[in-house]
Amino acid sequence: MAETVQQYIERILSNVSGEPLAIQSSTYPRIERLIGSLSAEQLKQRPSPERWSITEIIAHLADAEVVAAFRIRKILSEPGCAIAAYDQNAWAEKLNYRNSDPWQNLKRFGLMREMNLALLHGLNEEQWDRYGIHSERGRETLRRVVTLYAGHDVNHLRQIASIVESQGELSRAS
């Protein structure tokens, strides 16, 4: 059964323990450490046919950071604006995440994240309370958007760690 929007929000927010900007700051180096010794073949290996590989997860994170950059700037400059949802699975398929270069995507993710964090670190309280109207989730303050992205990071870090761990078990069994 597919997850509802509310279930998704609750699950993602439950991943956040600590300061969202600190979580976001640590994501790139954590991914680097997790995948540093993996081969291209290991990065492209899916844990199951319906689950994304590490390569696909990293491509998704890179594109999600582009979306975050736009949403953050839209909310800051046009409070109360409409924020469109997007179909992550369509992006993964149509943008060929499966065959993309994970190292290039990780670099792109890191650069976009650094740019977004620099902007966020300079905000005042009033700016954090500005909001947009998400097409599926309704009114979201910038503070909530950033917290959701931090939870999103944790979710995908766990997926990557799980894949890395299972590959280690597979290689030990060979």
N, C-alpha and C. Protein backbone atom coordinates (compact mmCIF):
# COMPACT_ATOMS: atom_id res chain seq x y z
N MET A 1 0.84 -1.18 0.00
CA MET A 1 0.00 0.00 0.00
C MET A 1 0.89 1.24 0.00
N ALA A 2 0.54 2.18 -0.84
CA ALA A 2 1.31 3.41 -0.96
C ALA A 2 1.13 4.28 0.28
N GLU A 3 2.17 4.98 0.60
CA GLU A 3 2.20 5.89 1.75
C GLU A 3 1.39 7.15 1.41
N THR A 4 0.59 7.64 2.36
CA THR A 4 -0.12 8.90 2.16
C THR A 4 0.86 10.06 2.34
N VAL A 5 0.44 11.23 1.91
CA VAL A 5 1.28 12.42 2.09
C VAL A 5 1.56 12.63 3.58
N GLN A 6 0.53 12.49 4.42
CA GLN A 6 0.71 12.70 5.85
C GLN A 6 1.65 11.65 6.45
N GLN A 7 1.55 10.41 6.03
CA GLN A 7 2.45 9.37 6.52
C GLN A 7 3.89 9.66 6.10
N TYR A 8 4.05 10.13 4.86
CA TYR A 8 5.39 10.49 4.38
C TYR A 8 5.98 11.60 5.25
N ILE A 9 5.21 12.65 5.48
CA ILE A 9 5.68 13.78 6.29
C ILE A 9 6.09 13.29 7.69
N GLU A 10 5.24 12.51 8.32
CA GLU A 10 5.54 12.00 9.66
C GLU A 10 6.80 11.15 9.66
N ARG A 11 6.94 10.29 8.66
CA ARG A 11 8.12 9.42 8.60
C ARG A 11 9.39 10.25 8.40
N ILE A 12 9.36 11.19 7.50
CA ILE A 12 10.53 12.01 7.20
C ILE A 12 10.89 12.89 8.40
N LEU A 13 9.89 13.52 9.02
CA LEU A 13 10.17 14.37 10.18
C LEU A 13 10.69 13.56 11.36
N SER A 14 10.27 12.29 11.46
CA SER A 14 10.75 11.45 12.57
C SER A 14 12.24 11.14 12.45
N ASN A 15 12.81 11.36 11.27
CA ASN A 15 14.25 11.14 11.06
C ASN A 15 15.11 12.25 11.65
N VAL A 16 14.49 13.37 11.97
CA VAL A 16 15.25 14.56 12.37
C VAL A 16 15.39 14.62 13.88
N SER A 17 16.60 14.36 14.35
CA SER A 17 16.91 14.57 15.77
C SER A 17 18.15 15.44 15.76
N GLY A 18 17.96 16.67 16.12
CA GLY A 18 19.05 17.62 16.06
C GLY A 18 18.69 18.77 15.15
N GLU A 19 19.67 19.61 14.93
CA GLU A 19 19.47 20.84 14.16
C GLU A 19 19.49 20.52 12.66
N PRO A 20 18.44 20.87 11.91
CA PRO A 20 18.37 20.51 10.49
C PRO A 20 19.57 20.99 9.66
N LEU A 21 20.07 22.18 9.92
CA LEU A 21 21.21 22.65 9.13
C LEU A 21 22.48 21.84 9.42
N ALA A 22 22.63 21.37 10.65
CA ALA A 22 23.77 20.51 10.99
C ALA A 22 23.66 19.17 10.26
N ILE A 23 22.45 18.64 10.22
CA ILE A 23 22.22 17.39 9.48
C ILE A 23 22.57 17.59 8.02
N GLN A 24 22.08 18.67 7.45
CA GLN A 24 22.34 18.93 6.03
C GLN A 24 23.83 19.15 5.76
N SER A 25 24.50 19.80 6.69
CA SER A 25 25.94 20.03 6.52
C SER A 25 26.74 18.74 6.52
N SER A 26 26.26 17.74 7.24
CA SER A 26 27.02 16.49 7.36
C SER A 26 26.71 15.47 6.28
N THR A 27 25.67 15.70 5.48
CA THR A 27 25.24 14.68 4.52
C THR A 27 26.28 14.37 3.46
N TYR A 28 26.81 15.38 2.80
CA TYR A 28 27.79 15.15 1.73
C TYR A 28 29.01 14.36 2.23
N PRO A 29 29.67 14.79 3.31
CA PRO A 29 30.83 14.01 3.75
C PRO A 29 30.46 12.60 4.21
N ARG A 30 29.27 12.43 4.73
CA ARG A 30 28.85 11.08 5.14
C ARG A 30 28.67 10.17 3.92
N ILE A 31 28.09 10.71 2.86
CA ILE A 31 27.95 9.90 1.64
C ILE A 31 29.33 9.56 1.09
N GLU A 32 30.22 10.53 1.05
CA GLU A 32 31.58 10.28 0.56
C GLU A 32 32.24 9.14 1.33
N ARG A 33 32.11 9.17 2.66
CA ARG A 33 32.71 8.11 3.48
C ARG A 33 32.06 6.77 3.20
N LEU A 34 30.74 6.75 3.05
CA LEU A 34 30.03 5.49 2.83
C LEU A 34 30.40 4.82 1.51
N ILE A 35 30.59 5.61 0.48
CA ILE A 35 30.77 5.02 -0.86
C ILE A 35 32.21 5.08 -1.38
N GLY A 36 33.11 5.66 -0.60
CA GLY A 36 34.47 5.91 -1.06
C GLY A 36 35.20 4.70 -1.62
N SER A 37 34.93 3.53 -1.10
CA SER A 37 35.69 2.36 -1.55
C SER A 37 34.88 1.47 -2.50
N LEU A 38 33.71 1.93 -2.92
CA LEU A 38 32.87 1.09 -3.78
C LEU A 38 33.22 1.27 -5.26
N SER A 39 33.05 0.21 -6.00
CA SER A 39 33.27 0.25 -7.45
C SER A 39 32.03 0.82 -8.13
N ALA A 40 32.19 1.19 -9.39
CA ALA A 40 31.05 1.69 -10.18
C ALA A 40 29.97 0.62 -10.25
N GLU A 41 30.37 -0.62 -10.36
CA GLU A 41 29.41 -1.73 -10.42
C GLU A 41 28.61 -1.83 -9.11
N GLN A 42 29.29 -1.70 -7.99
CA GLN A 42 28.60 -1.75 -6.70
C GLN A 42 27.63 -0.58 -6.54
N LEU A 43 28.04 0.59 -7.00
CA LEU A 43 27.19 1.78 -6.89
C LEU A 43 25.92 1.65 -7.74
N LYS A 44 26.00 0.90 -8.83
CA LYS A 44 24.85 0.75 -9.73
C LYS A 44 23.97 -0.45 -9.38
N GLN A 45 24.41 -1.26 -8.45
CA GLN A 45 23.66 -2.46 -8.09
C GLN A 45 22.44 -2.10 -7.25
N ARG A 46 21.28 -2.54 -7.70
CA ARG A 46 20.04 -2.30 -6.96
C ARG A 46 19.88 -3.38 -5.88
N PRO A 47 19.39 -2.99 -4.70
CA PRO A 47 19.16 -3.99 -3.65
C PRO A 47 18.02 -4.94 -4.01
N SER A 48 17.10 -4.49 -4.84
CA SER A 48 16.02 -5.31 -5.40
C SER A 48 15.52 -4.58 -6.65
N PRO A 49 14.80 -5.27 -7.52
CA PRO A 49 14.41 -4.64 -8.79
C PRO A 49 13.62 -3.34 -8.64
N GLU A 50 12.85 -3.22 -7.58
CA GLU A 50 12.01 -2.03 -7.41
C GLU A 50 12.66 -0.93 -6.56
N ARG A 51 13.85 -1.17 -6.05
CA ARG A 51 14.55 -0.19 -5.20
C ARG A 51 15.69 0.46 -5.97
N TRP A 52 15.96 1.70 -5.63
CA TRP A 52 17.05 2.43 -6.29
C TRP A 52 18.42 1.96 -5.83
N SER A 53 19.37 2.07 -6.73
CA SER A 53 20.78 1.82 -6.41
C SER A 53 21.35 3.07 -5.74
N ILE A 54 22.58 2.96 -5.25
CA ILE A 54 23.25 4.13 -4.68
C ILE A 54 23.41 5.21 -5.75
N THR A 55 23.75 4.82 -6.95
CA THR A 55 23.87 5.78 -8.05
C THR A 55 22.58 6.55 -8.24
N GLU A 56 21.46 5.84 -8.22
CA GLU A 56 20.15 6.50 -8.41
C GLU A 56 19.79 7.39 -7.22
N ILE A 57 20.13 6.95 -6.02
CA ILE A 57 19.85 7.76 -4.83
C ILE A 57 20.65 9.07 -4.89
N ILE A 58 21.90 8.98 -5.28
CA ILE A 58 22.73 10.18 -5.34
C ILE A 58 22.22 11.14 -6.43
N ALA A 59 21.82 10.60 -7.57
CA ALA A 59 21.25 11.44 -8.64
C ALA A 59 19.98 12.13 -8.13
N HIS A 60 19.18 11.38 -7.40
CA HIS A 60 17.95 11.95 -6.82
C HIS A 60 18.29 13.06 -5.82
N LEU A 61 19.26 12.84 -4.97
CA LEU A 61 19.65 13.87 -4.00
C LEU A 61 20.15 15.12 -4.71
N ALA A 62 20.91 14.95 -5.78
CA ALA A 62 21.41 16.11 -6.53
C ALA A 62 20.25 16.90 -7.12
N ASP A 63 19.30 16.21 -7.73
CA ASP A 63 18.15 16.92 -8.30
C ASP A 63 17.24 17.49 -7.23
N ALA A 64 17.08 16.77 -6.13
CA ALA A 64 16.26 17.29 -5.02
C ALA A 64 16.87 18.58 -4.46
N GLU A 65 18.18 18.68 -4.48
CA GLU A 65 18.84 19.90 -3.99
C GLU A 65 18.61 21.07 -4.94
N VAL A 66 18.51 20.80 -6.23
CA VAL A 66 18.15 21.84 -7.20
C VAL A 66 16.72 22.31 -6.90
N VAL A 67 15.83 21.37 -6.66
CA VAL A 67 14.44 21.71 -6.32
C VAL A 67 14.41 22.52 -5.03
N ALA A 68 15.18 22.10 -4.04
CA ALA A 68 15.24 22.82 -2.76
C ALA A 68 15.72 24.25 -2.98
N ALA A 69 16.75 24.42 -3.80
CA ALA A 69 17.28 25.75 -4.07
C ALA A 69 16.19 26.66 -4.63
N PHE A 70 15.43 26.14 -5.56
CA PHE A 70 14.34 26.93 -6.16
C PHE A 70 13.26 27.23 -5.13
N ARG A 71 12.84 26.22 -4.38
CA ARG A 71 11.77 26.41 -3.39
C ARG A 71 12.18 27.42 -2.32
N ILE A 72 13.38 27.30 -1.83
CA ILE A 72 13.88 28.22 -0.79
C ILE A 72 13.83 29.66 -1.32
N ARG A 73 14.35 29.86 -2.50
CA ARG A 73 14.40 31.21 -3.07
C ARG A 73 13.02 31.74 -3.40
N LYS A 74 12.15 30.87 -3.84
CA LYS A 74 10.77 31.25 -4.16
C LYS A 74 10.05 31.71 -2.88
N ILE A 75 10.17 30.94 -1.83
CA ILE A 75 9.53 31.29 -0.55
C ILE A 75 10.10 32.59 0.00
N LEU A 76 11.40 32.75 -0.05
CA LEU A 76 12.02 33.96 0.48
C LEU A 76 11.60 35.21 -0.29
N SER A 77 11.50 35.10 -1.60
CA SER A 77 11.22 36.28 -2.41
C SER A 77 9.74 36.49 -2.72
N GLU A 78 8.94 35.44 -2.59
CA GLU A 78 7.51 35.53 -2.89
C GLU A 78 6.70 34.80 -1.81
N PRO A 79 6.70 35.31 -0.58
CA PRO A 79 5.98 34.62 0.50
C PRO A 79 4.53 34.32 0.10
N GLY A 80 4.09 33.10 0.44
CA GLY A 80 2.74 32.67 0.11
C GLY A 80 2.61 32.07 -1.28
N CYS A 81 3.73 31.92 -1.98
CA CYS A 81 3.73 31.42 -3.36
C CYS A 81 3.32 29.94 -3.43
N ALA A 82 2.95 29.54 -4.63
CA ALA A 82 2.65 28.12 -4.88
C ALA A 82 3.97 27.37 -5.06
N ILE A 83 4.05 26.19 -4.47
CA ILE A 83 5.22 25.32 -4.59
C ILE A 83 4.74 24.00 -5.22
N ALA A 84 5.20 23.73 -6.42
CA ALA A 84 4.77 22.54 -7.14
C ALA A 84 5.49 21.29 -6.63
N ALA A 85 4.75 20.20 -6.59
CA ALA A 85 5.33 18.89 -6.31
C ALA A 85 5.96 18.38 -7.61
N TYR A 86 6.76 17.34 -7.51
CA TYR A 86 7.29 16.70 -8.71
C TYR A 86 7.32 15.20 -8.50
N ASP A 87 7.32 14.46 -9.59
CA ASP A 87 7.29 13.01 -9.56
C ASP A 87 8.74 12.49 -9.60
N GLN A 88 9.27 12.13 -8.44
CA GLN A 88 10.67 11.70 -8.36
C GLN A 88 10.94 10.45 -9.20
N ASN A 89 9.96 9.58 -9.31
CA ASN A 89 10.18 8.36 -10.11
C ASN A 89 10.24 8.68 -11.60
N ALA A 90 9.43 9.63 -12.05
CA ALA A 90 9.49 10.05 -13.45
C ALA A 90 10.84 10.70 -13.74
N TRP A 91 11.32 11.54 -12.80
CA TRP A 91 12.63 12.15 -12.99
C TRP A 91 13.71 11.06 -13.08
N ALA A 92 13.64 10.09 -12.18
CA ALA A 92 14.65 9.02 -12.17
C ALA A 92 14.68 8.27 -13.50
N GLU A 93 13.51 8.00 -14.03
CA GLU A 93 13.44 7.27 -15.30
C GLU A 93 13.81 8.15 -16.48
N LYS A 94 13.18 9.29 -16.59
CA LYS A 94 13.37 10.15 -17.77
C LYS A 94 14.74 10.83 -17.81
N LEU A 95 15.35 11.03 -16.64
CA LEU A 95 16.67 11.65 -16.58
C LEU A 95 17.78 10.61 -16.45
N ASN A 96 17.39 9.33 -16.58
CA ASN A 96 18.33 8.21 -16.65
C ASN A 96 19.28 8.14 -15.46
N TYR A 97 18.71 8.26 -14.26
CA TYR A 97 19.53 8.18 -13.05
C TYR A 97 20.37 6.91 -13.02
N ARG A 98 19.79 5.82 -13.48
CA ARG A 98 20.44 4.52 -13.37
C ARG A 98 21.81 4.48 -14.04
N ASN A 99 21.95 5.22 -15.14
CA ASN A 99 23.21 5.21 -15.90
C ASN A 99 24.01 6.49 -15.73
N SER A 100 23.66 7.28 -14.74
CA SER A 100 24.39 8.54 -14.53
C SER A 100 25.68 8.29 -13.76
N ASP A 101 26.53 9.30 -13.73
CA ASP A 101 27.81 9.21 -13.05
C ASP A 101 27.62 9.60 -11.57
N PRO A 102 27.74 8.64 -10.66
CA PRO A 102 27.47 8.95 -9.24
C PRO A 102 28.43 9.99 -8.67
N TRP A 103 29.68 10.00 -9.13
CA TRP A 103 30.66 10.95 -8.59
C TRP A 103 30.36 12.36 -9.06
N GLN A 104 29.93 12.50 -10.32
CA GLN A 104 29.53 13.83 -10.82
C GLN A 104 28.28 14.31 -10.09
N ASN A 105 27.34 13.41 -9.87
CA ASN A 105 26.12 13.78 -9.16
C ASN A 105 26.41 14.15 -7.71
N LEU A 106 27.33 13.43 -7.09
CA LEU A 106 27.68 13.76 -5.71
C LEU A 106 28.34 15.14 -5.65
N LYS A 107 29.19 15.41 -6.61
CA LYS A 107 29.83 16.73 -6.68
C LYS A 107 28.78 17.82 -6.87
N ARG A 108 27.84 17.58 -7.77
CA ARG A 108 26.77 18.55 -8.03
C ARG A 108 25.93 18.76 -6.77
N PHE A 109 25.61 17.67 -6.09
CA PHE A 109 24.86 17.76 -4.84
C PHE A 109 25.62 18.61 -3.82
N GLY A 110 26.91 18.33 -3.67
CA GLY A 110 27.72 19.06 -2.70
C GLY A 110 27.79 20.54 -2.98
N LEU A 111 27.94 20.91 -4.25
CA LEU A 111 28.00 22.33 -4.62
C LEU A 111 26.67 23.03 -4.36
N MET A 112 25.58 22.39 -4.76
CA MET A 112 24.26 22.99 -4.53
C MET A 112 23.96 23.09 -3.04
N ARG A 113 24.32 22.05 -2.30
CA ARG A 113 24.07 22.06 -0.85
C ARG A 113 24.84 23.18 -0.19
N GLU A 114 26.11 23.34 -0.57
CA GLU A 114 26.94 24.40 -0.01
C GLU A 114 26.32 25.77 -0.28
N MET A 115 25.84 25.97 -1.48
CA MET A 115 25.21 27.23 -1.85
C MET A 115 23.94 27.47 -1.03
N ASN A 116 23.13 26.43 -0.89
CA ASN A 116 21.89 26.57 -0.11
C ASN A 116 22.17 26.84 1.36
N LEU A 117 23.14 26.13 1.92
CA LEU A 117 23.46 26.34 3.33
C LEU A 117 23.99 27.74 3.58
N ALA A 118 24.79 28.27 2.67
CA ALA A 118 25.30 29.64 2.83
C ALA A 118 24.14 30.63 2.90
N LEU A 119 23.15 30.45 2.06
CA LEU A 119 21.97 31.32 2.09
C LEU A 119 21.20 31.15 3.40
N LEU A 120 20.96 29.92 3.78
CA LEU A 120 20.14 29.64 4.98
C LEU A 120 20.81 30.14 6.26
N HIS A 121 22.11 30.03 6.34
CA HIS A 121 22.82 30.49 7.55
C HIS A 121 22.69 32.00 7.75
N GLY A 122 22.38 32.74 6.71
CA GLY A 122 22.28 34.19 6.82
C GLY A 122 20.88 34.72 7.07
N LEU A 123 19.91 33.83 7.27
CA LEU A 123 18.52 34.28 7.42
C LEU A 123 18.21 34.77 8.83
N ASN A 124 17.25 35.69 8.91
CA ASN A 124 16.75 36.14 10.21
C ASN A 124 15.45 35.39 10.54
N GLU A 125 14.95 35.56 11.75
CA GLU A 125 13.76 34.82 12.21
C GLU A 125 12.55 35.04 11.30
N GLU A 126 12.34 36.27 10.88
CA GLU A 126 11.18 36.57 10.03
C GLU A 126 11.26 35.78 8.73
N GLN A 127 12.45 35.67 8.17
CA GLN A 127 12.61 34.93 6.92
C GLN A 127 12.32 33.45 7.10
N TRP A 128 12.71 32.88 8.23
CA TRP A 128 12.45 31.46 8.50
C TRP A 128 10.95 31.17 8.58
N ASP A 129 10.16 32.17 8.93
CA ASP A 129 8.71 31.99 9.07
C ASP A 129 7.94 32.23 7.77
N ARG A 130 8.62 32.67 6.72
CA ARG A 130 7.95 32.83 5.42
C ARG A 130 7.53 31.45 4.94
N TYR A 131 6.52 31.42 4.12
CA TYR A 131 5.97 30.12 3.71
C TYR A 131 5.56 30.12 2.24
N GLY A 132 5.40 28.91 1.76
CA GLY A 132 4.83 28.66 0.44
C GLY A 132 3.69 27.67 0.61
N ILE A 133 2.91 27.50 -0.42
CA ILE A 133 1.80 26.55 -0.39
C ILE A 133 2.16 25.39 -1.32
N HIS A 134 2.55 24.29 -0.71
CA HIS A 134 2.95 23.10 -1.47
C HIS A 134 1.68 22.45 -2.05
N SER A 135 1.75 22.02 -3.29
CA SER A 135 0.56 21.48 -3.98
C SER A 135 0.01 20.21 -3.33
N GLU A 136 0.82 19.47 -2.60
CA GLU A 136 0.35 18.25 -1.94
C GLU A 136 0.31 18.38 -0.42
N ARG A 137 1.18 19.19 0.15
CA ARG A 137 1.33 19.24 1.60
C ARG A 137 0.76 20.50 2.24
N GLY A 138 0.33 21.46 1.44
CA GLY A 138 -0.25 22.68 1.98
C GLY A 138 0.80 23.68 2.42
N ARG A 139 0.42 24.51 3.37
CA ARG A 139 1.28 25.59 3.84
C ARG A 139 2.52 25.04 4.54
N GLU A 140 3.69 25.47 4.09
CA GLU A 140 4.95 25.06 4.70
C GLU A 140 5.85 26.27 4.87
N THR A 141 6.26 26.50 6.12
CA THR A 141 7.23 27.56 6.36
C THR A 141 8.58 27.10 5.85
N LEU A 142 9.47 28.06 5.66
CA LEU A 142 10.82 27.71 5.25
C LEU A 142 11.48 26.81 6.28
N ARG A 143 11.21 27.07 7.56
CA ARG A 143 11.75 26.24 8.64
C ARG A 143 11.33 24.77 8.45
N ARG A 144 10.06 24.57 8.10
CA ARG A 144 9.56 23.20 7.91
C ARG A 144 10.17 22.58 6.65
N VAL A 145 10.27 23.36 5.59
CA VAL A 145 10.87 22.86 4.34
C VAL A 145 12.28 22.36 4.62
N VAL A 146 13.06 23.15 5.34
CA VAL A 146 14.45 22.78 5.64
C VAL A 146 14.49 21.54 6.53
N THR A 147 13.57 21.44 7.47
CA THR A 147 13.51 20.26 8.34
C THR A 147 13.14 19.02 7.53
N LEU A 148 12.22 19.16 6.59
CA LEU A 148 11.87 18.03 5.73
C LEU A 148 13.07 17.59 4.89
N TYR A 149 13.82 18.54 4.36
CA TYR A 149 15.00 18.16 3.58
C TYR A 149 16.04 17.47 4.46
N ALA A 150 16.17 17.88 5.71
CA ALA A 150 17.11 17.20 6.62
C ALA A 150 16.65 15.75 6.85
N GLY A 151 15.35 15.56 7.08
CA GLY A 151 14.81 14.21 7.26
C GLY A 151 14.96 13.37 6.00
N HIS A 152 14.81 14.02 4.86
CA HIS A 152 15.00 13.37 3.56
C HIS A 152 16.44 12.88 3.43
N ASP A 153 17.39 13.72 3.85
CA ASP A 153 18.80 13.32 3.86
C ASP A 153 19.01 12.05 4.69
N VAL A 154 18.50 12.07 5.91
CA VAL A 154 18.68 10.94 6.82
C VAL A 154 18.08 9.67 6.21
N ASN A 155 16.90 9.79 5.63
CA ASN A 155 16.25 8.66 4.98
C ASN A 155 17.17 8.04 3.92
N HIS A 156 17.74 8.87 3.06
CA HIS A 156 18.59 8.34 1.99
C HIS A 156 19.96 7.91 2.49
N LEU A 157 20.48 8.55 3.51
CA LEU A 157 21.73 8.07 4.11
C LEU A 157 21.54 6.66 4.66
N ARG A 158 20.42 6.42 5.30
CA ARG A 158 20.14 5.07 5.82
C ARG A 158 20.04 4.06 4.69
N GLN A 159 19.39 4.45 3.58
CA GLN A 159 19.29 3.54 2.44
C GLN A 159 20.68 3.21 1.89
N ILE A 160 21.49 4.23 1.73
CA ILE A 160 22.85 4.01 1.21
C ILE A 160 23.64 3.11 2.16
N ALA A 161 23.58 3.39 3.45
CA ALA A 161 24.31 2.58 4.44
C ALA A 161 23.83 1.13 4.40
N SER A 162 22.54 0.93 4.25
CA SER A 162 21.99 -0.43 4.18
C SER A 162 22.49 -1.17 2.94
N ILE A 163 22.54 -0.49 1.82
CA ILE A 163 23.05 -1.11 0.59
C ILE A 163 24.52 -1.45 0.74
N VAL A 164 25.30 -0.51 1.27
CA VAL A 164 26.73 -0.75 1.48
C VAL A 164 26.93 -1.95 2.39
N GLU A 165 26.17 -2.00 3.48
CA GLU A 165 26.29 -3.12 4.43
C GLU A 165 25.92 -4.44 3.76
N SER A 166 24.85 -4.46 2.99
CA SER A 166 24.45 -5.71 2.34
C SER A 166 25.46 -6.15 1.30
N GLN A 167 26.10 -5.20 0.63
CA GLN A 167 27.13 -5.56 -0.34
C GLN A 167 28.36 -6.12 0.36
N GLY A 168 28.67 -5.59 1.53
CA GLY A 168 29.79 -6.13 2.31
C GLY A 168 29.52 -7.56 2.72
N GLU A 169 28.28 -7.85 3.09
CA GLU A 169 27.91 -9.20 3.46
C GLU A 169 27.96 -10.12 2.25
N LEU A 170 27.54 -9.59 1.09
CA LEU A 170 27.58 -10.39 -0.14
C LEU A 170 29.01 -10.72 -0.52
N SER A 171 29.90 -9.73 -0.43
CA SER A 171 31.29 -9.98 -0.83
C SER A 171 31.98 -10.93 0.15
N ARG A 172 31.62 -10.89 1.42
CA ARG A 172 32.20 -11.83 2.40
C ARG A 172 31.70 -13.25 2.15
N ALA A 173 30.46 -13.35 1.62
CA ALA A 173 29.89 -14.68 1.37
C ALA A 173 30.45 -15.31 0.10
N SER A 174 31.02 -14.51 -0.79
CA SER A 174 31.53 -15.02 -2.09
C SER A 174 32.81 -15.78 -1.91
